[in-house]
Amino acid sequence: MLAKILVEGIVQGVGYRYFVKQSADRLNLVGFVKNLENGSVYVEAVGSESKLRIFIEELKVGTRFADVRKVDVNFGLEERNFGDFRITC
């Protein structure tokens, strides 16, 4: 299952993308995370529905320096061929 996730709030410059990667790696998810120009963070993650739901709950909390205000998620059945989970620009 694929999850497309948009995270809004104070999520840039606070180690949030590294937090996302650590969480994804621990849950054996593949995909990517990147900063957007508007200050939000975009994530695509592939894995089982149960692991994705745990992941999303963790993203809502974030790092101690982050202030996550909104998390929008769209699930899809489309497959992406990610080899691992990466931080991109």
PDB file of N, CA and C in Angstrom:
ATOM      1  N   MET A   1       0.848  -1.176   0.000  1.00  0.00           N
ATOM      2  CA  MET A   1       0.000   0.000   0.000  1.00  0.00           C
ATOM      3  C   MET A   1       0.891   1.236   0.000  1.00  0.00           C
ATOM      4  N   LEU A   2       0.428   2.264  -0.689  1.00  0.00           N
ATOM      5  CA  LEU A   2       1.154   3.525  -0.791  1.00  0.00           C
ATOM      6  C   LEU A   2       0.433   4.604   0.007  1.00  0.00           C
ATOM      7  N   ALA A   3       1.190   5.368   0.782  1.00  0.00           N
ATOM      8  CA  ALA A   3       0.636   6.518   1.487  1.00  0.00           C
ATOM      9  C   ALA A   3       1.351   7.769   1.001  1.00  0.00           C
ATOM     10  N   LYS A   4       0.567   8.764   0.575  1.00  0.00           N
ATOM     11  CA  LYS A   4       1.088  10.080   0.209  1.00  0.00           C
ATOM     12  C   LYS A   4       0.693  11.006   1.343  1.00  0.00           C
ATOM     13  N   ILE A   5       1.713  11.605   1.983  1.00  0.00           N
ATOM     14  CA  ILE A   5       1.484  12.322   3.235  1.00  0.00           C
ATOM     15  C   ILE A   5       2.033  13.740   3.129  1.00  0.00           C
ATOM     16  N   LEU A   6       1.219  14.718   3.496  1.00  0.00           N
ATOM     17  CA  LEU A   6       1.641  16.108   3.550  1.00  0.00           C
ATOM     18  C   LEU A   6       1.577  16.552   5.004  1.00  0.00           C
ATOM     19  N   VAL A   7       2.724  17.020   5.511  1.00  0.00           N
ATOM     20  CA  VAL A   7       2.821  17.429   6.913  1.00  0.00           C
ATOM     21  C   VAL A   7       3.045  18.937   6.961  1.00  0.00           C
ATOM     22  N   GLU A   8       2.182  19.649   7.691  1.00  0.00           N
ATOM     23  CA  GLU A   8       2.280  21.095   7.802  1.00  0.00           C
ATOM     24  C   GLU A   8       2.559  21.496   9.240  1.00  0.00           C
ATOM     25  N   GLY A   9       3.200  22.637   9.392  1.00  0.00           N
ATOM     26  CA  GLY A   9       3.555  23.165  10.701  1.00  0.00           C
ATOM     27  C   GLY A   9       5.004  23.597  10.683  1.00  0.00           C
ATOM     28  N   ILE A  10       5.630  23.587  11.827  1.00  0.00           N
ATOM     29  CA  ILE A  10       7.063  23.872  11.907  1.00  0.00           C
ATOM     30  C   ILE A  10       7.775  22.534  11.790  1.00  0.00           C
ATOM     31  N   VAL A  11       8.098  22.185  10.540  1.00  0.00           N
ATOM     32  CA  VAL A  11       8.662  20.867  10.264  1.00  0.00           C
ATOM     33  C   VAL A  11       9.926  20.949   9.405  1.00  0.00           C
ATOM     34  N   GLN A  12      10.423  22.151   9.188  1.00  0.00           N
ATOM     35  CA  GLN A  12      11.689  22.308   8.474  1.00  0.00           C
ATOM     36  C   GLN A  12      12.692  22.972   9.407  1.00  0.00           C
ATOM     37  N   GLY A  13      13.939  22.507   9.336  1.00  0.00           N
ATOM     38  CA  GLY A  13      14.984  23.058  10.184  1.00  0.00           C
ATOM     39  C   GLY A  13      14.961  22.531  11.605  1.00  0.00           C
ATOM     40  N   VAL A  14      14.209  21.456  11.827  1.00  0.00           N
ATOM     41  CA  VAL A  14      14.082  20.897  13.180  1.00  0.00           C
ATOM     42  C   VAL A  14      14.402  19.404  13.219  1.00  0.00           C
ATOM     43  N   GLY A  15      15.027  18.882  12.150  1.00  0.00           N
ATOM     44  CA  GLY A  15      15.382  17.464  12.096  1.00  0.00           C
ATOM     45  C   GLY A  15      14.229  16.547  11.769  1.00  0.00           C
ATOM     46  N   TYR A  16      13.147  17.110  11.249  1.00  0.00           N
ATOM     47  CA  TYR A  16      11.949  16.312  11.004  1.00  0.00           C
ATOM     48  C   TYR A  16      12.157  15.251   9.923  1.00  0.00           C
ATOM     49  N   ARG A  17      12.834  15.606   8.814  1.00  0.00           N
ATOM     50  CA  ARG A  17      13.041  14.616   7.756  1.00  0.00           C
ATOM     51  C   ARG A  17      13.873  13.439   8.256  1.00  0.00           C
ATOM     52  N   TYR A  18      14.850  13.702   9.107  1.00  0.00           N
ATOM     53  CA  TYR A  18      15.674  12.612   9.652  1.00  0.00           C
ATOM     54  C   TYR A  18      14.846  11.731  10.591  1.00  0.00           C
ATOM     55  N   PHE A  19      13.967  12.364  11.345  1.00  0.00           N
ATOM     56  CA  PHE A  19      13.033  11.624  12.200  1.00  0.00           C
ATOM     57  C   PHE A  19      12.145  10.709  11.352  1.00  0.00           C
ATOM     58  N   VAL A  20      11.632  11.248  10.239  1.00  0.00           N
ATOM     59  CA  VAL A  20      10.782  10.471   9.339  1.00  0.00           C
ATOM     60  C   VAL A  20      11.536   9.265   8.800  1.00  0.00           C
ATOM     61  N   LYS A  21      12.778   9.490   8.373  1.00  0.00           N
ATOM     62  CA  LYS A  21      13.585   8.389   7.832  1.00  0.00           C
ATOM     63  C   LYS A  21      13.825   7.309   8.887  1.00  0.00           C
ATOM     64  N   GLN A  22      14.172   7.716  10.093  1.00  0.00           N
ATOM     65  CA  GLN A  22      14.416   6.737  11.161  1.00  0.00           C
ATOM     66  C   GLN A  22      13.160   5.919  11.437  1.00  0.00           C
ATOM     67  N   SER A  23      12.023   6.578  11.469  1.00  0.00           N
ATOM     68  CA  SER A  23      10.762   5.885  11.715  1.00  0.00           C
ATOM     69  C   SER A  23      10.463   4.902  10.577  1.00  0.00           C
ATOM     70  N   ALA A  24      10.636   5.358   9.337  1.00  0.00           N
ATOM     71  CA  ALA A  24      10.390   4.495   8.175  1.00  0.00           C
ATOM     72  C   ALA A  24      11.332   3.295   8.178  1.00  0.00           C
ATOM     73  N   ASP A  25      12.603   3.528   8.471  1.00  0.00           N
ATOM     74  CA  ASP A  25      13.572   2.430   8.490  1.00  0.00           C
ATOM     75  C   ASP A  25      13.212   1.402   9.562  1.00  0.00           C
ATOM     76  N   ARG A  26      12.810   1.881  10.732  1.00  0.00           N
ATOM     77  CA  ARG A  26      12.459   0.986  11.825  1.00  0.00           C
ATOM     78  C   ARG A  26      11.246   0.130  11.481  1.00  0.00           C
ATOM     79  N   LEU A  27      10.323   0.702  10.695  1.00  0.00           N
ATOM     80  CA  LEU A  27       9.099  -0.005  10.311  1.00  0.00           C
ATOM     81  C   LEU A  27       9.246  -0.742   8.976  1.00  0.00           C
ATOM     82  N   ASN A  28      10.448  -0.726   8.406  1.00  0.00           N
ATOM     83  CA  ASN A  28      10.723  -1.386   7.124  1.00  0.00           C
ATOM     84  C   ASN A  28       9.847  -0.854   5.991  1.00  0.00           C
ATOM     85  N   LEU A  29       9.648   0.465   5.973  1.00  0.00           N
ATOM     86  CA  LEU A  29       8.925   1.115   4.887  1.00  0.00           C
ATOM     87  C   LEU A  29       9.922   1.622   3.864  1.00  0.00           C
ATOM     88  N   VAL A  30       9.500   1.773   2.639  1.00  0.00           N
ATOM     89  CA  VAL A  30      10.334   2.348   1.590  1.00  0.00           C
ATOM     90  C   VAL A  30       9.624   3.575   1.029  1.00  0.00           C
ATOM     91  N   GLY A  31      10.416   4.485   0.452  1.00  0.00           N
ATOM     92  CA  GLY A  31       9.838   5.693  -0.114  1.00  0.00           C
ATOM     93  C   GLY A  31      10.784   6.859   0.017  1.00  0.00           C
ATOM     94  N   PHE A  32      10.208   8.047   0.259  1.00  0.00           N
ATOM     95  CA  PHE A  32      11.043   9.236   0.400  1.00  0.00           C
ATOM     96  C   PHE A  32      10.336  10.305   1.223  1.00  0.00           C
ATOM     97  N   VAL A  33      11.136  11.263   1.688  1.00  0.00           N
ATOM     98  CA  VAL A  33      10.638  12.451   2.372  1.00  0.00           C
ATOM     99  C   VAL A  33      11.391  13.643   1.808  1.00  0.00           C
ATOM    100  N   LYS A  34      10.670  14.762   1.623  1.00  0.00           N
ATOM    101  CA  LYS A  34      11.337  15.958   1.125  1.00  0.00           C
ATOM    102  C   LYS A  34      10.648  17.209   1.650  1.00  0.00           C
ATOM    103  N   ASN A  35      11.429  18.290   1.752  1.00  0.00           N
ATOM    104  CA  ASN A  35      10.895  19.597   2.100  1.00  0.00           C
ATOM    105  C   ASN A  35      10.237  20.207   0.870  1.00  0.00           C
ATOM    106  N   LEU A  36       9.168  20.937   1.086  1.00  0.00           N
ATOM    107  CA  LEU A  36       8.521  21.694   0.021  1.00  0.00           C
ATOM    108  C   LEU A  36       8.803  23.180   0.230  1.00  0.00           C
ATOM    109  N   GLU A  37       8.707  23.945  -0.838  1.00  0.00           N
ATOM    110  CA  GLU A  37       9.025  25.373  -0.776  1.00  0.00           C
ATOM    111  C   GLU A  37       8.116  26.150   0.171  1.00  0.00           C
ATOM    112  N   ASN A  38       6.919  25.654   0.418  1.00  0.00           N
ATOM    113  CA  ASN A  38       5.979  26.372   1.280  1.00  0.00           C
ATOM    114  C   ASN A  38       6.193  26.089   2.773  1.00  0.00           C
ATOM    115  N   GLY A  39       7.259  25.341   3.109  1.00  0.00           N
ATOM    116  CA  GLY A  39       7.568  25.066   4.515  1.00  0.00           C
ATOM    117  C   GLY A  39       7.020  23.753   5.034  1.00  0.00           C
ATOM    118  N   SER A  40       6.260  23.049   4.215  1.00  0.00           N
ATOM    119  CA  SER A  40       5.729  21.753   4.642  1.00  0.00           C
ATOM    120  C   SER A  40       6.672  20.637   4.203  1.00  0.00           C
ATOM    121  N   VAL A  41       6.329  19.414   4.586  1.00  0.00           N
ATOM    122  CA  VAL A  41       7.122  18.235   4.244  1.00  0.00           C
ATOM    123  C   VAL A  41       6.200  17.243   3.548  1.00  0.00           C
ATOM    124  N   TYR A  42       6.718  16.628   2.470  1.00  0.00           N
ATOM    125  CA  TYR A  42       5.957  15.647   1.703  1.00  0.00           C
ATOM    126  C   TYR A  42       6.622  14.289   1.839  1.00  0.00           C
ATOM    127  N   VAL A  43       5.805  13.255   2.057  1.00  0.00           N
ATOM    128  CA  VAL A  43       6.300  11.890   2.244  1.00  0.00           C
ATOM    129  C   VAL A  43       5.512  10.952   1.349  1.00  0.00           C
ATOM    130  N   GLU A  44       6.210  10.027   0.712  1.00  0.00           N
ATOM    131  CA  GLU A  44       5.570   8.880   0.079  1.00  0.00           C
ATOM    132  C   GLU A  44       6.182   7.648   0.722  1.00  0.00           C
ATOM    133  N   ALA A  45       5.334   6.760   1.203  1.00  0.00           N
ATOM    134  CA  ALA A  45       5.814   5.558   1.885  1.00  0.00           C
ATOM    135  C   ALA A  45       5.005   4.352   1.433  1.00  0.00           C
ATOM    136  N   VAL A  46       5.702   3.236   1.262  1.00  0.00           N
ATOM    137  CA  VAL A  46       5.073   1.985   0.842  1.00  0.00           C
ATOM    138  C   VAL A  46       5.333   0.933   1.910  1.00  0.00           C
ATOM    139  N   GLY A  47       4.276   0.209   2.270  1.00  0.00           N
ATOM    140  CA  GLY A  47       4.385  -0.864   3.245  1.00  0.00           C
ATOM    141  C   GLY A  47       3.006  -1.407   3.553  1.00  0.00           C
ATOM    142  N   SER A  48       2.927  -2.223   4.576  1.00  0.00           N
ATOM    143  CA  SER A  48       1.629  -2.773   4.973  1.00  0.00           C
ATOM    144  C   SER A  48       0.773  -1.672   5.591  1.00  0.00           C
ATOM    145  N   GLU A  49      -0.516  -1.839   5.511  1.00  0.00           N
ATOM    146  CA  GLU A  49      -1.431  -0.840   6.070  1.00  0.00           C
ATOM    147  C   GLU A  49      -1.178  -0.632   7.562  1.00  0.00           C
ATOM    148  N   SER A  50      -0.948  -1.709   8.300  1.00  0.00           N
ATOM    149  CA  SER A  50      -0.751  -1.576   9.747  1.00  0.00           C
ATOM    150  C   SER A  50       0.514  -0.781  10.057  1.00  0.00           C
ATOM    151  N   LYS A  51       1.600  -1.028   9.332  1.00  0.00           N
ATOM    152  CA  LYS A  51       2.833  -0.276   9.573  1.00  0.00           C
ATOM    153  C   LYS A  51       2.697   1.174   9.135  1.00  0.00           C
ATOM    154  N   LEU A  52       1.977   1.408   8.053  1.00  0.00           N
ATOM    155  CA  LEU A  52       1.765   2.785   7.603  1.00  0.00           C
ATOM    156  C   LEU A  52       0.950   3.569   8.628  1.00  0.00           C
ATOM    157  N   ARG A  53      -0.011   2.932   9.237  1.00  0.00           N
ATOM    158  CA  ARG A  53      -0.820   3.634  10.249  1.00  0.00           C
ATOM    159  C   ARG A  53       0.016   3.990  11.482  1.00  0.00           C
ATOM    160  N   ILE A  54       0.907   3.106  11.890  1.00  0.00           N
ATOM    161  CA  ILE A  54       1.826   3.409  12.992  1.00  0.00           C
ATOM    162  C   ILE A  54       2.722   4.572  12.599  1.00  0.00           C
ATOM    163  N   PHE A  55       3.266   4.519  11.385  1.00  0.00           N
ATOM    164  CA  PHE A  55       4.135   5.562  10.849  1.00  0.00           C
ATOM    165  C   PHE A  55       3.438   6.923  10.882  1.00  0.00           C
ATOM    166  N   ILE A  56       2.209   6.966  10.413  1.00  0.00           N
ATOM    167  CA  ILE A  56       1.458   8.222  10.363  1.00  0.00           C
ATOM    168  C   ILE A  56       1.242   8.777  11.763  1.00  0.00           C
ATOM    169  N   GLU A  57       0.935   7.929  12.718  1.00  0.00           N
ATOM    170  CA  GLU A  57       0.768   8.392  14.097  1.00  0.00           C
ATOM    171  C   GLU A  57       2.074   8.998  14.629  1.00  0.00           C
ATOM    172  N   GLU A  58       3.210   8.388  14.281  1.00  0.00           N
ATOM    173  CA  GLU A  58       4.498   8.930  14.701  1.00  0.00           C
ATOM    174  C   GLU A  58       4.782  10.267  14.028  1.00  0.00           C
ATOM    175  N   LEU A  59       4.389  10.406  12.756  1.00  0.00           N
ATOM    176  CA  LEU A  59       4.611  11.667  12.051  1.00  0.00           C
ATOM    177  C   LEU A  59       3.802  12.794  12.680  1.00  0.00           C
ATOM    178  N   LYS A  60       2.662  12.480  13.245  1.00  0.00           N
ATOM    179  CA  LYS A  60       1.835  13.502  13.900  1.00  0.00           C
ATOM    180  C   LYS A  60       2.516  14.071  15.137  1.00  0.00           C
ATOM    181  N   VAL A  61       3.407  13.299  15.743  1.00  0.00           N
ATOM    182  CA  VAL A  61       4.123  13.741  16.938  1.00  0.00           C
ATOM    183  C   VAL A  61       5.393  14.481  16.544  1.00  0.00           C
ATOM    184  N   GLY A  62       6.212  13.873  15.695  1.00  0.00           N
ATOM    185  CA  GLY A  62       7.437  14.512  15.220  1.00  0.00           C
ATOM    186  C   GLY A  62       8.523  14.588  16.269  1.00  0.00           C
ATOM    187  N   THR A  63       9.463  15.488  16.034  1.00  0.00           N
ATOM    188  CA  THR A  63      10.572  15.692  16.960  1.00  0.00           C
ATOM    189  C   THR A  63      10.151  16.660  18.055  1.00  0.00           C
ATOM    190  N   ARG A  64      10.976  16.777  19.071  1.00  0.00           N
ATOM    191  CA  ARG A  64      10.611  17.694  20.168  1.00  0.00           C
ATOM    192  C   ARG A  64      10.655  19.153  19.736  1.00  0.00           C
ATOM    193  N   PHE A  65      11.365  19.452  18.645  1.00  0.00           N
ATOM    194  CA  PHE A  65      11.456  20.825  18.150  1.00  0.00           C
ATOM    195  C   PHE A  65      10.401  21.132  17.091  1.00  0.00           C
ATOM    196  N   ALA A  66       9.755  20.106  16.569  1.00  0.00           N
ATOM    197  CA  ALA A  66       8.733  20.293  15.540  1.00  0.00           C
ATOM    198  C   ALA A  66       7.401  20.671  16.182  1.00  0.00           C
ATOM    199  N   ASP A  67       6.582  21.342  15.395  1.00  0.00           N
ATOM    200  CA  ASP A  67       5.214  21.655  15.790  1.00  0.00           C
ATOM    201  C   ASP A  67       4.315  21.235  14.625  1.00  0.00           C
ATOM    202  N   VAL A  68       3.905  19.968  14.648  1.00  0.00           N
ATOM    203  CA  VAL A  68       3.081  19.419  13.575  1.00  0.00           C
ATOM    204  C   VAL A  68       1.656  19.912  13.778  1.00  0.00           C
ATOM    205  N   ARG A  69       1.150  20.628  12.787  1.00  0.00           N
ATOM    206  CA  ARG A  69      -0.185  21.204  12.905  1.00  0.00           C
ATOM    207  C   ARG A  69      -1.231  20.450  12.105  1.00  0.00           C
ATOM    208  N   LYS A  70      -0.787  19.805  11.005  1.00  0.00           N
ATOM    209  CA  LYS A  70      -1.745  19.120  10.145  1.00  0.00           C
ATOM    210  C   LYS A  70      -1.032  18.011   9.381  1.00  0.00           C
ATOM    211  N   VAL A  71      -1.678  16.860   9.278  1.00  0.00           N
ATOM    212  CA  VAL A  71      -1.160  15.737   8.498  1.00  0.00           C
ATOM    213  C   VAL A  71      -2.287  15.237   7.597  1.00  0.00           C
ATOM    214  N   ASP A  72      -2.095  15.401   6.283  1.00  0.00           N
ATOM    215  CA  ASP A  72      -3.064  14.905   5.301  1.00  0.00           C
ATOM    216  C   ASP A  72      -2.507  13.633   4.675  1.00  0.00           C
ATOM    217  N   VAL A  73      -3.339  12.610   4.588  1.00  0.00           N
ATOM    218  CA  VAL A  73      -2.896  11.319   4.055  1.00  0.00           C
ATOM    219  C   VAL A  73      -3.853  10.857   2.966  1.00  0.00           C
ATOM    220  N   ASN A  74      -3.271  10.395   1.865  1.00  0.00           N
ATOM    221  CA  ASN A  74      -4.035   9.742   0.805  1.00  0.00           C
ATOM    222  C   ASN A  74      -3.429   8.367   0.590  1.00  0.00           C
ATOM    223  N   PHE A  75      -4.258   7.337   0.720  1.00  0.00           N
ATOM    224  CA  PHE A  75      -3.796   5.970   0.499  1.00  0.00           C
ATOM    225  C   PHE A  75      -4.106   5.549  -0.931  1.00  0.00           C
ATOM    226  N   GLY A  76      -3.235   4.747  -1.484  1.00  0.00           N
ATOM    227  CA  GLY A  76      -3.451   4.201  -2.817  1.00  0.00           C
ATOM    228  C   GLY A  76      -2.932   2.784  -2.887  1.00  0.00           C
ATOM    229  N   LEU A  77      -3.404   2.070  -3.877  1.00  0.00           N
ATOM    230  CA  LEU A  77      -2.955   0.698  -4.071  1.00  0.00           C
ATOM    231  C   LEU A  77      -1.846   0.624  -5.116  1.00  0.00           C
ATOM    232  N   GLU A  78      -1.565   1.762  -5.768  1.00  0.00           N
ATOM    233  CA  GLU A  78      -0.531   1.761  -6.791  1.00  0.00           C
ATOM    234  C   GLU A  78       0.820   1.409  -6.185  1.00  0.00           C
ATOM    235  N   GLU A  79       1.615   0.741  -6.959  1.00  0.00           N
ATOM    236  CA  GLU A  79       2.928   0.316  -6.478  1.00  0.00           C
ATOM    237  C   GLU A  79       4.007   1.268  -6.981  1.00  0.00           C
ATOM    238  N   ARG A  80       4.918   1.588  -6.132  1.00  0.00           N
ATOM    239  CA  ARG A  80       6.090   2.370  -6.491  1.00  0.00           C
ATOM    240  C   ARG A  80       7.291   1.471  -6.268  1.00  0.00           C
ATOM    241  N   ASN A  81       8.297   1.619  -7.090  1.00  0.00           N
ATOM    242  CA  ASN A  81       9.471   0.767  -6.990  1.00  0.00           C
ATOM    243  C   ASN A  81      10.580   1.483  -6.219  1.00  0.00           C
ATOM    244  N   PHE A  82      10.378   1.692  -4.925  1.00  0.00           N
ATOM    245  CA  PHE A  82      11.392   2.288  -4.063  1.00  0.00           C
ATOM    246  C   PHE A  82      12.267   1.158  -3.513  1.00  0.00           C
ATOM    247  N   GLY A  83      13.571   1.339  -3.547  1.00  0.00           N
ATOM    248  CA  GLY A  83      14.462   0.314  -2.998  1.00  0.00           C
ATOM    249  C   GLY A  83      14.671   0.464  -1.509  1.00  0.00           C
ATOM    250  N   ASP A  84      14.542   1.697  -1.031  1.00  0.00           N
ATOM    251  CA  ASP A  84      14.760   1.989   0.383  1.00  0.00           C
ATOM    252  C   ASP A  84      14.000   3.263   0.724  1.00  0.00           C
ATOM    253  N   PHE A  85      14.278   3.845   1.880  1.00  0.00           N
ATOM    254  CA  PHE A  85      13.653   5.114   2.240  1.00  0.00           C
ATOM    255  C   PHE A  85      14.727   6.179   2.216  1.00  0.00           C
ATOM    256  N   ARG A  86      14.459   7.270   1.491  1.00  0.00           N
ATOM    257  CA  ARG A  86      15.475   8.310   1.289  1.00  0.00           C
ATOM    258  C   ARG A  86      14.982   9.689   1.658  1.00  0.00           C
ATOM    259  N   ILE A  87      15.923  10.522   2.030  1.00  0.00           N
ATOM    260  CA  ILE A  87      15.679  11.949   2.198  1.00  0.00           C
ATOM    261  C   ILE A  87      16.102  12.607   0.893  1.00  0.00           C
ATOM    262  N   THR A  88      15.189  13.326   0.257  1.00  0.00           N
ATOM    263  CA  THR A  88      15.504  14.016  -0.989  1.00  0.00           C
ATOM    264  C   THR A  88      15.376  15.516  -0.784  1.00  0.00           C
ATOM    265  N   CYS A  89      15.809  16.265  -1.777  1.00  0.00           N
ATOM    266  CA  CYS A  89      15.744  17.737  -1.697  1.00  0.00           C
ATOM    267  C   CYS A  89      14.345  18.235  -1.950  1.00  0.00           C
TER     268      CYS A  89
END
